Structure formats: C-alpha cells, structure tokens
Amino acid sequence: MLLLTNHINPGYRGLVNIGTGKYIGNSPHYHDSYEYNLIYSGYVNYYINNKRYTLHKRNSIWIPPYQKHYLIDTSDNFTMLVCFFQKSLIQSVCTEKWTKLLLDESYMHELEWRRLRKEDYWAVQSFSSSLMETEGQKDLYHAGLAWLVLLAWKYYLRGESVSGGSIHPSVAKAIKILYSELDIGTEELARRVGVSRSYLSRQFALEMGTNIVDWRNFIRIENYLKQKNEDLNILDRALDAGFGSYAQFYRVHRQVLGYPPQGLGGAGSAGSEAERKGSAGSEAPDSEAERKGSGRSESG
C-alpha cells in the first residue's frame, strides 16, 4: 500500500477539508496521521479491513495511522468531510479512558463505519464548517482541531454500526498471494484460488473497482517507496521493486501517484540512460494476457 501525504500545512497539527465530485479508484493507501471521514452526500464504495462498504450520508469512520484503505468509486454528488490529525495532537487531548481508545492500536485497527445520529451529524458538520474559516488564525484553528477530535470521537462511539460485506474469497486470496508472489502469472493465480482466469479477472474488477494488473502495479510502487537504500539510483530501485523497465516504472509512477519520479531516487540520475533507451529489460509479465482476460482496459 502507498503512504500518501495528507497535506497538513507546515507548523499545523491537522487539516479539515471537504472532498467532492465523482472519485473512482484511487490507489490503496495509508497515512502517517489519523484520518476522520464523514459522508455528507451521495455514496461511496469503500474498502478497509478486508471489507467492502457501501456508505451514505451520516456514515463516519476513524482511520488510525498506517491503516490501509481504498475508495473504490463514488456517486457524482459525493461529498465527504476529510480530517487529518497528527498523532501528537491526539496524544495531547486524549487523557481520559474513553478518549485514550484512540491511542489503542489493536482497538483502532478493528474499527468499522458507524452512522451518526442526526443531531450529532449536524453538530460535527456545523463545527467543521466554522473551523475551516479560521485556518489562517493558527491558535484558534489548533484549539478548534482539539475540540473537533473530542466531538467527532464522542459522536462516533455512540453511532450505529454499519455492516460491511466480505470481499469474495477468491479475490481476498488472490490479493494475499500477490503480496507474497508478485510475479505469479494470472493463470496460475486463478488456479491457486480455485477459479477460472476469466472469472477471477471479472470478480476482481467488480469487487475492487480496478484490475489485477493495476493492483500489481500498486504493489510495485509500494515496494519502490519502501526502499531505503540511498546508494541505488531510481532505475535500480525500480527494477528491485518488480518493474521490468524504466519506461514502465515512469508510466505507472505517474499514473498512481500523479507525478513523475524525477528527483526521487538516491545516488545518480533518475534513470536517464534507461529512459532515453525506453527500457532496461522486458515489461513485467502478464500485461497483454490480462488485458485480454478481464474485459477492461489494463496496462501493466
């Protein structure tokens, strides 16, 4: 999974924002801060804790640092409150037994979505709206962030649980295998999970909102970002992460993260020689076969 920045401004301890519009298939990811989501309108299909949720207005969740999650798709009229809180802020305001649950990792990683009471929903929405207007007043904004943490947590705890559906067993097993055997062919992957190749490709797209090739590329990018060896240049790190060429890595990096990989490597240039040649080897396996097998446009 990908560690994504949460755009908290330097010197600030959190961020309150509104996400709007139709959003399809962002990368599976996590953050190094706490995240709080509250649906305002429309719906979203959401993947977290190996469950898939279809969520509507007043549904909310707390996501602790490094908890993997993924927005599969949304309606056109989707809007959601998105808040990020640095762990230091949570630690400073959570001093009672019921608030210290936010600091209990085992408890937090088992959290599910909850539907807020109407009056609690409006209270969080109203306060968040007022808080966003004070962002330029740092002291006031920070005081408001602390209050929002306690308010949102209190109302979350007394909300009604929202049931999530389990991911289809073949898809869940396929994802687990991909993380341990990145280069496994799709035909063999389907055989290992006990279904046909075409069925697995269709079911994977239906459940996850993306295809097997793209999911494999998410893992490759994650592997790349996790590398700590500063002695390697970008090309070597990309090859170690499972990419077959610099051209493939460049394309996938830009597709997944939204920007090119220049300047992100260690020693040496950003694979400039390989980029000029267009390839440092063959593409990773299965891209053409999987494009044919899924009924969706896939590129790997």
C-alpha atoms as a PDB file:
ATOM      1  CA  MET A   1       0.000   0.000   0.000  1.00  0.00           C
ATOM      2  CA  LEU A   2       1.076   3.561  -0.567  1.00  0.00           C
ATOM      3  CA  LEU A   3       1.966   6.117   2.093  1.00  0.00           C
ATOM      4  CA  LEU A   4       0.225   9.263   0.873  1.00  0.00           C
ATOM      5  CA  THR A   5       0.800  12.777   2.146  1.00  0.00           C
ATOM      6  CA  ASN A   6      -2.163  14.317   3.951  1.00  0.00           C
ATOM      7  CA  HIS A   7      -1.319  17.933   3.029  1.00  0.00           C
ATOM      8  CA  ILE A   8      -1.177  19.202   6.633  1.00  0.00           C
ATOM      9  CA  ASN A   9       0.469  22.594   6.329  1.00  0.00           C
ATOM     10  CA  PRO A  10       3.900  23.026   7.955  1.00  0.00           C
ATOM     11  CA  GLY A  11       3.521  24.183  11.542  1.00  0.00           C
ATOM     12  CA  TYR A  12      -0.056  22.911  11.787  1.00  0.00           C
ATOM     13  CA  ARG A  13      -1.306  19.886  13.699  1.00  0.00           C
ATOM     14  CA  GLY A  14      -4.194  18.934  11.462  1.00  0.00           C
ATOM     15  CA  LEU A  15      -6.337  19.695   8.448  1.00  0.00           C
ATOM     16  CA  VAL A  16     -10.090  19.916   7.863  1.00  0.00           C
ATOM     17  CA  ASN A  17     -11.285  19.699   4.272  1.00  0.00           C
ATOM     18  CA  ILE A  18     -14.207  18.675   2.042  1.00  0.00           C
ATOM     19  CA  GLY A  19     -13.839  16.103  -0.741  1.00  0.00           C
ATOM     20  CA  THR A  20     -16.337  16.492  -3.598  1.00  0.00           C
ATOM     21  CA  GLY A  21     -17.172  15.096  -7.022  1.00  0.00           C
ATOM     22  CA  LYS A  22     -17.039  11.657  -8.548  1.00  0.00           C
ATOM     23  CA  TYR A  23     -13.913   9.817  -7.497  1.00  0.00           C
ATOM     24  CA  ILE A  24     -13.057   6.411  -8.952  1.00  0.00           C
ATOM     25  CA  GLY A  25     -10.371   4.000  -7.906  1.00  0.00           C
ATOM     26  CA  ASN A  26      -7.708   5.910  -6.005  1.00  0.00           C
ATOM     27  CA  SER A  27      -4.696   3.849  -5.003  1.00  0.00           C
ATOM     28  CA  PRO A  28      -4.852   1.617  -1.922  1.00  0.00           C
ATOM     29  CA  HIS A  29      -3.022   3.715   0.653  1.00  0.00           C
ATOM     30  CA  TYR A  30      -2.453   4.775   4.237  1.00  0.00           C
ATOM     31  CA  HIS A  31      -1.268   7.898   6.062  1.00  0.00           C
ATOM     32  CA  ASP A  32       1.108   8.619   8.928  1.00  0.00           C
ATOM     33  CA  SER A  33      -1.601  10.613  10.722  1.00  0.00           C
ATOM     34  CA  TYR A  34      -5.131   9.936  11.949  1.00  0.00           C
ATOM     35  CA  GLU A  35      -7.932  10.398   9.424  1.00  0.00           C
ATOM     36  CA  TYR A  36     -11.618  11.051  10.091  1.00  0.00           C
ATOM     37  CA  ASN A  37     -14.263  10.740   7.367  1.00  0.00           C
ATOM     38  CA  LEU A  38     -17.937  11.752   7.488  1.00  0.00           C
ATOM     39  CA  ILE A  39     -20.164  11.348   4.427  1.00  0.00           C
ATOM     40  CA  TYR A  40     -22.214  14.457   3.614  1.00  0.00           C
ATOM     41  CA  SER A  41     -23.999  13.379   0.427  1.00  0.00           C
ATOM     42  CA  GLY A  42     -24.076  10.708  -2.264  1.00  0.00           C
ATOM     43  CA  TYR A  43     -22.463   7.324  -1.756  1.00  0.00           C
ATOM     44  CA  VAL A  44     -19.022   5.738  -1.804  1.00  0.00           C
ATOM     45  CA  ASN A  45     -17.848   2.145  -2.099  1.00  0.00           C
ATOM     46  CA  TYR A  46     -15.013   1.839   0.394  1.00  0.00           C
ATOM     47  CA  TYR A  47     -12.502  -0.919   1.114  1.00  0.00           C
ATOM     48  CA  ILE A  48     -10.967  -1.217   4.599  1.00  0.00           C
ATOM     49  CA  ASN A  49     -10.105  -4.072   6.978  1.00  0.00           C
ATOM     50  CA  ASN A  50     -10.673  -6.581   4.152  1.00  0.00           C
ATOM     51  CA  LYS A  51     -14.312  -5.496   3.909  1.00  0.00           C
ATOM     52  CA  ARG A  52     -16.229  -3.549   1.309  1.00  0.00           C
ATOM     53  CA  TYR A  53     -18.739  -0.922   2.444  1.00  0.00           C
ATOM     54  CA  THR A  54     -21.382   1.000   0.525  1.00  0.00           C
ATOM     55  CA  LEU A  55     -21.731   4.212   2.508  1.00  0.00           C
ATOM     56  CA  HIS A  56     -24.182   7.101   2.576  1.00  0.00           C
ATOM     57  CA  LYS A  57     -24.902  10.340   4.422  1.00  0.00           C
ATOM     58  CA  ARG A  58     -24.033  10.359   8.155  1.00  0.00           C
ATOM     59  CA  ASN A  59     -21.680   7.371   7.890  1.00  0.00           C
ATOM     60  CA  SER A  60     -18.357   8.058   9.609  1.00  0.00           C
ATOM     61  CA  ILE A  61     -15.089   6.333  10.461  1.00  0.00           C
ATOM     62  CA  TRP A  62     -11.779   6.947  12.212  1.00  0.00           C
ATOM     63  CA  ILE A  63      -8.704   5.582  10.434  1.00  0.00           C
ATOM     64  CA  PRO A  64      -5.528   5.263  12.538  1.00  0.00           C
ATOM     65  CA  PRO A  65      -2.036   5.803  11.126  1.00  0.00           C
ATOM     66  CA  TYR A  66      -0.902   3.124   8.662  1.00  0.00           C
ATOM     67  CA  GLN A  67      -4.377   1.580   8.311  1.00  0.00           C
ATOM     68  CA  LYS A  68      -4.826   0.522   4.678  1.00  0.00           C
ATOM     69  CA  HIS A  69      -7.920   1.843   2.903  1.00  0.00           C
ATOM     70  CA  TYR A  70      -9.207   2.452  -0.601  1.00  0.00           C
ATOM     71  CA  LEU A  71     -12.066   4.393  -2.208  1.00  0.00           C
ATOM     72  CA  ILE A  72     -13.351   2.133  -4.972  1.00  0.00           C
ATOM     73  CA  ASP A  73     -15.847   4.542  -6.530  1.00  0.00           C
ATOM     74  CA  THR A  74     -18.396   7.233  -5.665  1.00  0.00           C
ATOM     75  CA  SER A  75     -21.550   8.844  -6.973  1.00  0.00           C
ATOM     76  CA  ASP A  76     -21.382  12.114  -8.912  1.00  0.00           C
ATOM     77  CA  ASN A  77     -22.884  14.043  -5.979  1.00  0.00           C
ATOM     78  CA  PHE A  78     -20.488  12.576  -3.416  1.00  0.00           C
ATOM     79  CA  THR A  79     -19.154  14.921  -0.707  1.00  0.00           C
ATOM     80  CA  MET A  80     -17.244  13.925   2.427  1.00  0.00           C
ATOM     81  CA  LEU A  81     -15.618  15.644   5.374  1.00  0.00           C
ATOM     82  CA  VAL A  82     -11.952  14.620   5.448  1.00  0.00           C
ATOM     83  CA  CYS A  83      -9.901  15.482   8.522  1.00  0.00           C
ATOM     84  CA  PHE A  84      -6.289  14.672   9.318  1.00  0.00           C
ATOM     85  CA  PHE A  85      -4.873  14.901  12.844  1.00  0.00           C
ATOM     86  CA  GLN A  86      -1.239  14.481  13.793  1.00  0.00           C
ATOM     87  CA  LYS A  87      -0.647  11.808  16.414  1.00  0.00           C
ATOM     88  CA  SER A  88       0.877  14.414  18.743  1.00  0.00           C
ATOM     89  CA  LEU A  89      -2.448  16.265  18.752  1.00  0.00           C
ATOM     90  CA  ILE A  90      -4.370  13.080  19.596  1.00  0.00           C
ATOM     91  CA  GLN A  91      -1.928  12.322  22.414  1.00  0.00           C
ATOM     92  CA  SER A  92      -2.258  15.791  23.891  1.00  0.00           C
ATOM     93  CA  VAL A  93      -6.066  15.899  24.039  1.00  0.00           C
ATOM     94  CA  CYS A  94      -6.931  12.261  24.802  1.00  0.00           C
ATOM     95  CA  THR A  95      -6.362  11.908  28.548  1.00  0.00           C
ATOM     96  CA  GLU A  96      -9.484  10.070  29.738  1.00  0.00           C
ATOM     97  CA  LYS A  97     -10.317   6.384  29.423  1.00  0.00           C
ATOM     98  CA  TRP A  98     -12.877   6.817  26.615  1.00  0.00           C
ATOM     99  CA  THR A  99     -10.612   9.098  24.571  1.00  0.00           C
ATOM    100  CA  LYS A 100      -7.461   7.023  25.111  1.00  0.00           C
ATOM    101  CA  LEU A 101      -9.097   4.364  22.946  1.00  0.00           C
ATOM    102  CA  LEU A 102      -7.900   6.477  20.021  1.00  0.00           C
ATOM    103  CA  LEU A 103      -4.341   5.583  21.057  1.00  0.00           C
ATOM    104  CA  ASP A 104      -5.043   1.842  21.401  1.00  0.00           C
ATOM    105  CA  GLU A 105      -3.682   0.371  18.156  1.00  0.00           C
ATOM    106  CA  SER A 106      -5.402  -3.015  18.449  1.00  0.00           C
ATOM    107  CA  TYR A 107      -8.751  -1.332  19.131  1.00  0.00           C
ATOM    108  CA  MET A 108      -8.397   1.248  16.368  1.00  0.00           C
ATOM    109  CA  HIS A 109      -7.454  -1.222  13.643  1.00  0.00           C
ATOM    110  CA  GLU A 110     -10.683  -3.133  14.208  1.00  0.00           C
ATOM    111  CA  LEU A 111     -12.955  -0.091  13.866  1.00  0.00           C
ATOM    112  CA  GLU A 112     -15.825  -0.148  11.406  1.00  0.00           C
ATOM    113  CA  TRP A 113     -18.021   2.526   9.906  1.00  0.00           C
ATOM    114  CA  ARG A 114     -20.822   3.949  12.052  1.00  0.00           C
ATOM    115  CA  ARG A 115     -23.901   6.012  11.245  1.00  0.00           C
ATOM    116  CA  LEU A 116     -24.150   9.151  13.367  1.00  0.00           C
ATOM    117  CA  ARG A 117     -27.360  10.316  14.988  1.00  0.00           C
ATOM    118  CA  LYS A 118     -28.944  13.194  13.079  1.00  0.00           C
ATOM    119  CA  GLU A 119     -28.215  15.756  15.765  1.00  0.00           C
ATOM    120  CA  ASP A 120     -24.613  14.558  16.106  1.00  0.00           C
ATOM    121  CA  TYR A 121     -24.106  14.676  12.346  1.00  0.00           C
ATOM    122  CA  TRP A 122     -25.285  18.287  12.154  1.00  0.00           C
ATOM    123  CA  ALA A 123     -23.131  19.244  15.134  1.00  0.00           C
ATOM    124  CA  VAL A 124     -19.955  17.888  13.508  1.00  0.00           C
ATOM    125  CA  GLN A 125     -20.822  19.385  10.132  1.00  0.00           C
ATOM    126  CA  SER A 126     -21.590  22.813  11.593  1.00  0.00           C
ATOM    127  CA  PHE A 127     -18.470  22.969  13.763  1.00  0.00           C
ATOM    128  CA  SER A 128     -16.203  21.738  10.943  1.00  0.00           C
ATOM    129  CA  SER A 129     -17.571  24.391   8.608  1.00  0.00           C
ATOM    130  CA  SER A 130     -16.846  27.121  11.146  1.00  0.00           C
ATOM    131  CA  LEU A 131     -13.395  25.710  11.860  1.00  0.00           C
ATOM    132  CA  MET A 132     -12.358  25.801   8.199  1.00  0.00           C
ATOM    133  CA  GLU A 133     -12.968  29.549   8.200  1.00  0.00           C
ATOM    134  CA  THR A 134     -10.315  30.033  10.913  1.00  0.00           C
ATOM    135  CA  GLU A 135      -7.428  28.234   9.190  1.00  0.00           C
ATOM    136  CA  GLY A 136      -5.456  31.461   8.851  1.00  0.00           C
ATOM    137  CA  GLN A 137      -5.656  32.026  12.631  1.00  0.00           C
ATOM    138  CA  LYS A 138      -3.293  29.337  13.838  1.00  0.00           C
ATOM    139  CA  ASP A 139      -4.009  29.376  17.577  1.00  0.00           C
ATOM    140  CA  LEU A 140      -7.753  29.413  17.060  1.00  0.00           C
ATOM    141  CA  TYR A 141      -7.511  26.693  14.414  1.00  0.00           C
ATOM    142  CA  HIS A 142      -5.468  24.425  16.684  1.00  0.00           C
ATOM    143  CA  ALA A 143      -7.904  24.902  19.563  1.00  0.00           C
ATOM    144  CA  GLY A 144     -10.724  24.013  17.183  1.00  0.00           C
ATOM    145  CA  LEU A 145      -8.906  20.907  15.951  1.00  0.00           C
ATOM    146  CA  ALA A 146      -8.588  19.658  19.542  1.00  0.00           C
ATOM    147  CA  TRP A 147     -12.292  20.218  20.140  1.00  0.00           C
ATOM    148  CA  LEU A 148     -13.209  18.524  16.850  1.00  0.00           C
ATOM    149  CA  VAL A 149     -11.210  15.423  17.824  1.00  0.00           C
ATOM    150  CA  LEU A 150     -13.208  15.031  21.028  1.00  0.00           C
ATOM    151  CA  LEU A 151     -16.533  15.947  19.436  1.00  0.00           C
ATOM    152  CA  ALA A 152     -16.170  13.597  16.470  1.00  0.00           C
ATOM    153  CA  TRP A 153     -14.900  10.739  18.646  1.00  0.00           C
ATOM    154  CA  LYS A 154     -17.727  11.084  21.169  1.00  0.00           C
ATOM    155  CA  TYR A 155     -20.396  11.048  18.482  1.00  0.00           C
ATOM    156  CA  TYR A 156     -18.703   8.219  16.593  1.00  0.00           C
ATOM    157  CA  LEU A 157     -18.732   5.987  19.669  1.00  0.00           C
ATOM    158  CA  ARG A 158     -22.475   6.355  20.135  1.00  0.00           C
ATOM    159  CA  GLY A 159     -23.275   5.887  16.458  1.00  0.00           C
ATOM    160  CA  GLU A 160     -24.919   2.806  14.946  1.00  0.00           C
ATOM    161  CA  SER A 161     -22.585   0.193  13.417  1.00  0.00           C
ATOM    162  CA  VAL A 162     -22.619  -0.145   9.628  1.00  0.00           C
ATOM    163  CA  SER A 163     -22.161  -3.666   8.317  1.00  0.00           C
ATOM    164  CA  GLY A 164     -19.534  -4.287   5.676  1.00  0.00           C
ATOM    165  CA  GLY A 165     -19.526  -7.109   3.188  1.00  0.00           C
ATOM    166  CA  SER A 166     -16.632  -9.515   2.971  1.00  0.00           C
ATOM    167  CA  ILE A 167     -14.572  -9.467  -0.190  1.00  0.00           C
ATOM    168  CA  HIS A 168     -15.207 -12.534  -2.370  1.00  0.00           C
ATOM    169  CA  PRO A 169     -12.906 -15.323  -1.098  1.00  0.00           C
ATOM    170  CA  SER A 170     -11.195 -15.763  -4.466  1.00  0.00           C
ATOM    171  CA  VAL A 171     -10.350 -12.045  -4.619  1.00  0.00           C
ATOM    172  CA  ALA A 172      -9.192 -11.878  -0.995  1.00  0.00           C
ATOM    173  CA  LYS A 173      -6.946 -14.908  -1.516  1.00  0.00           C
ATOM    174  CA  ALA A 174      -5.614 -13.516  -4.801  1.00  0.00           C
ATOM    175  CA  ILE A 175      -4.622 -10.230  -3.126  1.00  0.00           C
ATOM    176  CA  LYS A 176      -2.817 -12.107  -0.361  1.00  0.00           C
ATOM    177  CA  ILE A 177      -0.910 -14.215  -2.920  1.00  0.00           C
ATOM    178  CA  LEU A 178       0.055 -11.151  -4.986  1.00  0.00           C
ATOM    179  CA  TYR A 179       1.733  -9.556  -1.979  1.00  0.00           C
ATOM    180  CA  SER A 180       3.933 -12.584  -1.474  1.00  0.00           C
ATOM    181  CA  GLU A 181       4.393 -13.657  -5.123  1.00  0.00           C
ATOM    182  CA  LEU A 182       4.276 -10.510  -7.244  1.00  0.00           C
ATOM    183  CA  ASP A 183       5.374 -12.203 -10.472  1.00  0.00           C
ATOM    184  CA  ILE A 184       2.870 -15.039 -10.382  1.00  0.00           C
ATOM    185  CA  GLY A 185       1.001 -15.349 -13.692  1.00  0.00           C
ATOM    186  CA  THR A 186      -2.720 -14.702 -13.729  1.00  0.00           C
ATOM    187  CA  GLU A 187      -3.446 -18.201 -14.995  1.00  0.00           C
ATOM    188  CA  GLU A 188      -1.553 -19.719 -12.070  1.00  0.00           C
ATOM    189  CA  LEU A 189      -3.078 -17.193  -9.675  1.00  0.00           C
ATOM    190  CA  ALA A 190      -6.578 -18.252 -10.732  1.00  0.00           C
ATOM    191  CA  ARG A 191      -5.647 -21.920 -10.396  1.00  0.00           C
ATOM    192  CA  ARG A 192      -4.334 -21.324  -6.882  1.00  0.00           C
ATOM    193  CA  VAL A 193      -7.549 -19.649  -5.743  1.00  0.00           C
ATOM    194  CA  GLY A 194      -9.691 -22.317  -7.386  1.00  0.00           C
ATOM    195  CA  VAL A 195     -11.476 -20.379 -10.158  1.00  0.00           C
ATOM    196  CA  SER A 196     -11.030 -19.771 -13.859  1.00  0.00           C
ATOM    197  CA  ARG A 197      -8.864 -16.924 -15.104  1.00  0.00           C
ATOM    198  CA  SER A 198     -11.776 -15.069 -16.691  1.00  0.00           C
ATOM    199  CA  TYR A 199     -13.902 -15.413 -13.542  1.00  0.00           C
ATOM    200  CA  LEU A 200     -11.114 -14.106 -11.310  1.00  0.00           C
ATOM    201  CA  SER A 201     -10.500 -11.122 -13.600  1.00  0.00           C
ATOM    202  CA  ARG A 202     -14.197 -10.212 -13.697  1.00  0.00           C
ATOM    203  CA  GLN A 203     -14.707 -10.706  -9.956  1.00  0.00           C
ATOM    204  CA  PHE A 204     -11.583  -8.724  -9.089  1.00  0.00           C
ATOM    205  CA  ALA A 205     -12.759  -5.761 -11.166  1.00  0.00           C
ATOM    206  CA  LEU A 206     -16.244  -5.982  -9.661  1.00  0.00           C
ATOM    207  CA  GLU A 207     -15.047  -6.154  -6.055  1.00  0.00           C
ATOM    208  CA  MET A 208     -12.074  -3.792  -6.147  1.00  0.00           C
ATOM    209  CA  GLY A 209     -13.004  -1.322  -8.889  1.00  0.00           C
ATOM    210  CA  THR A 210      -9.704  -1.979 -10.661  1.00  0.00           C
ATOM    211  CA  ASN A 211      -7.958  -4.850 -12.414  1.00  0.00           C
ATOM    212  CA  ILE A 212      -5.257  -7.298 -11.408  1.00  0.00           C
ATOM    213  CA  VAL A 213      -2.576  -5.522 -13.448  1.00  0.00           C
ATOM    214  CA  ASP A 214      -3.226  -2.180 -11.724  1.00  0.00           C
ATOM    215  CA  TRP A 215      -3.277  -3.833  -8.299  1.00  0.00           C
ATOM    216  CA  ARG A 216       0.038  -5.474  -9.111  1.00  0.00           C
ATOM    217  CA  ASN A 217       1.386  -2.039 -10.034  1.00  0.00           C
ATOM    218  CA  PHE A 218       0.151  -0.606  -6.725  1.00  0.00           C
ATOM    219  CA  ILE A 219       2.307  -3.219  -5.005  1.00  0.00           C
ATOM    220  CA  ARG A 220       5.330  -2.409  -7.186  1.00  0.00           C
ATOM    221  CA  ILE A 221       5.046   1.293  -6.353  1.00  0.00           C
ATOM    222  CA  GLU A 222       4.696   0.425  -2.669  1.00  0.00           C
ATOM    223  CA  ASN A 223       7.826  -1.709  -2.883  1.00  0.00           C
ATOM    224  CA  TYR A 224       9.663   1.172  -4.527  1.00  0.00           C
ATOM    225  CA  LEU A 225       8.602   3.718  -1.917  1.00  0.00           C
ATOM    226  CA  LYS A 226       9.608   1.428   0.942  1.00  0.00           C
ATOM    227  CA  GLN A 227      13.195   1.092  -0.262  1.00  0.00           C
ATOM    228  CA  LYS A 228      15.742   2.819   1.961  1.00  0.00           C
ATOM    229  CA  ASN A 229      18.955   2.101   0.046  1.00  0.00           C
ATOM    230  CA  GLU A 230      20.229   5.560  -0.890  1.00  0.00           C
ATOM    231  CA  ASP A 231      23.162   4.051  -2.786  1.00  0.00           C
ATOM    232  CA  LEU A 232      20.852   2.913  -5.590  1.00  0.00           C
ATOM    233  CA  ASN A 233      19.613   5.201  -8.325  1.00  0.00           C
ATOM    234  CA  ILE A 234      15.968   5.330  -9.339  1.00  0.00           C
ATOM    235  CA  LEU A 235      16.358   2.750 -12.103  1.00  0.00           C
ATOM    236  CA  ASP A 236      17.911   0.133  -9.805  1.00  0.00           C
ATOM    237  CA  ARG A 237      15.263   0.765  -7.165  1.00  0.00           C
ATOM    238  CA  ALA A 238      12.516   0.412  -9.775  1.00  0.00           C
ATOM    239  CA  LEU A 239      13.928  -2.895 -11.008  1.00  0.00           C
ATOM    240  CA  ASP A 240      14.251  -4.167  -7.429  1.00  0.00           C
ATOM    241  CA  ALA A 241      10.609  -3.205  -6.836  1.00  0.00           C
ATOM    242  CA  GLY A 242       9.462  -5.510  -9.629  1.00  0.00           C
ATOM    243  CA  PHE A 243       9.270  -3.255 -12.665  1.00  0.00           C
ATOM    244  CA  GLY A 244      10.605  -4.624 -15.957  1.00  0.00           C
ATOM    245  CA  SER A 245      11.803  -1.309 -17.385  1.00  0.00           C
ATOM    246  CA  TYR A 246      12.249   2.339 -16.535  1.00  0.00           C
ATOM    247  CA  ALA A 247       9.603   3.228 -19.120  1.00  0.00           C
ATOM    248  CA  GLN A 248       7.083   1.028 -17.337  1.00  0.00           C
ATOM    249  CA  PHE A 249       8.060   2.424 -13.934  1.00  0.00           C
ATOM    250  CA  TYR A 250       7.790   6.026 -15.157  1.00  0.00           C
ATOM    251  CA  ARG A 251       4.327   5.420 -16.629  1.00  0.00           C
ATOM    252  CA  VAL A 252       2.996   3.611 -13.561  1.00  0.00           C
ATOM    253  CA  HIS A 253       4.523   6.095 -11.093  1.00  0.00           C
ATOM    254  CA  ARG A 254       2.821   8.949 -12.888  1.00  0.00           C
ATOM    255  CA  GLN A 255      -0.466   7.051 -13.167  1.00  0.00           C
ATOM    256  CA  VAL A 256      -0.601   6.011  -9.498  1.00  0.00           C
ATOM    257  CA  LEU A 257       0.970   8.990  -7.712  1.00  0.00           C
ATOM    258  CA  GLY A 258       0.073  11.725 -10.171  1.00  0.00           C
ATOM    259  CA  TYR A 259       3.616  12.997 -10.790  1.00  0.00           C
ATOM    260  CA  PRO A 260       6.793  11.716 -12.477  1.00  0.00           C
ATOM    261  CA  PRO A 261       9.636  10.117 -10.498  1.00  0.00           C
ATOM    262  CA  GLN A 262      12.406  12.628 -11.279  1.00  0.00           C
ATOM    263  CA  GLY A 263      14.447  13.617  -8.289  1.00  0.00           C
ATOM    264  CA  LEU A 264      13.093  10.903  -6.008  1.00  0.00           C
ATOM    265  CA  GLY A 265      15.999   8.473  -6.124  1.00  0.00           C
ATOM    266  CA  GLY A 266      19.259   8.124  -4.324  1.00  0.00           C
ATOM    267  CA  ALA A 267      22.658   8.362  -5.966  1.00  0.00           C
ATOM    268  CA  GLY A 268      22.826   9.081  -9.646  1.00  0.00           C
ATOM    269  CA  SER A 269      20.278  10.367 -12.071  1.00  0.00           C
ATOM    270  CA  ALA A 270      16.642   9.406 -12.335  1.00  0.00           C
ATOM    271  CA  GLY A 271      17.372   6.547 -14.659  1.00  0.00           C
ATOM    272  CA  SER A 272      18.046   8.951 -17.508  1.00  0.00           C
ATOM    273  CA  GLU A 273      20.009   6.473 -19.608  1.00  0.00           C
ATOM    274  CA  ALA A 274      17.276   3.864 -19.363  1.00  0.00           C
ATOM    275  CA  GLU A 275      14.662   6.497 -20.063  1.00  0.00           C
ATOM    276  CA  ARG A 276      16.456   7.551 -23.253  1.00  0.00           C
ATOM    277  CA  LYS A 277      16.572   3.944 -24.386  1.00  0.00           C
ATOM    278  CA  GLY A 278      12.978   3.431 -23.240  1.00  0.00           C
ATOM    279  CA  SER A 279      13.662   0.146 -21.455  1.00  0.00           C
ATOM    280  CA  ALA A 280      16.040  -1.644 -19.128  1.00  0.00           C
ATOM    281  CA  GLY A 281      14.518  -5.035 -19.796  1.00  0.00           C
ATOM    282  CA  SER A 282      11.235  -6.620 -20.655  1.00  0.00           C
ATOM    283  CA  GLU A 283       7.920  -5.488 -19.234  1.00  0.00           C
ATOM    284  CA  ALA A 284       6.642  -7.345 -16.177  1.00  0.00           C
ATOM    285  CA  PRO A 285       4.715 -10.476 -17.189  1.00  0.00           C
ATOM    286  CA  ASP A 286       1.034 -10.894 -17.994  1.00  0.00           C
ATOM    287  CA  SER A 287       0.124  -7.355 -19.039  1.00  0.00           C
ATOM    288  CA  GLU A 288      -1.109  -8.294 -22.525  1.00  0.00           C
ATOM    289  CA  ALA A 289      -2.769 -11.510 -21.440  1.00  0.00           C
ATOM    290  CA  GLU A 290      -4.546  -9.822 -18.548  1.00  0.00           C
ATOM    291  CA  ARG A 291      -5.799  -7.031 -20.793  1.00  0.00           C
ATOM    292  CA  LYS A 292      -7.472  -9.683 -22.901  1.00  0.00           C
ATOM    293  CA  GLY A 293      -8.782 -11.644 -19.951  1.00  0.00           C
ATOM    294  CA  SER A 294     -10.570  -9.041 -17.869  1.00  0.00           C
ATOM    295  CA  GLY A 295     -12.844  -7.281 -20.279  1.00  0.00           C
ATOM    296  CA  ARG A 296     -11.392  -3.965 -19.042  1.00  0.00           C
ATOM    297  CA  SER A 297      -8.586  -1.830 -20.369  1.00  0.00           C
ATOM    298  CA  GLU A 298      -5.479  -2.880 -18.471  1.00  0.00           C
ATOM    299  CA  SER A 299      -1.898  -1.795 -18.774  1.00  0.00           C
ATOM    300  CA  GLY A 300       0.919  -3.126 -16.684  1.00  0.00           C
END
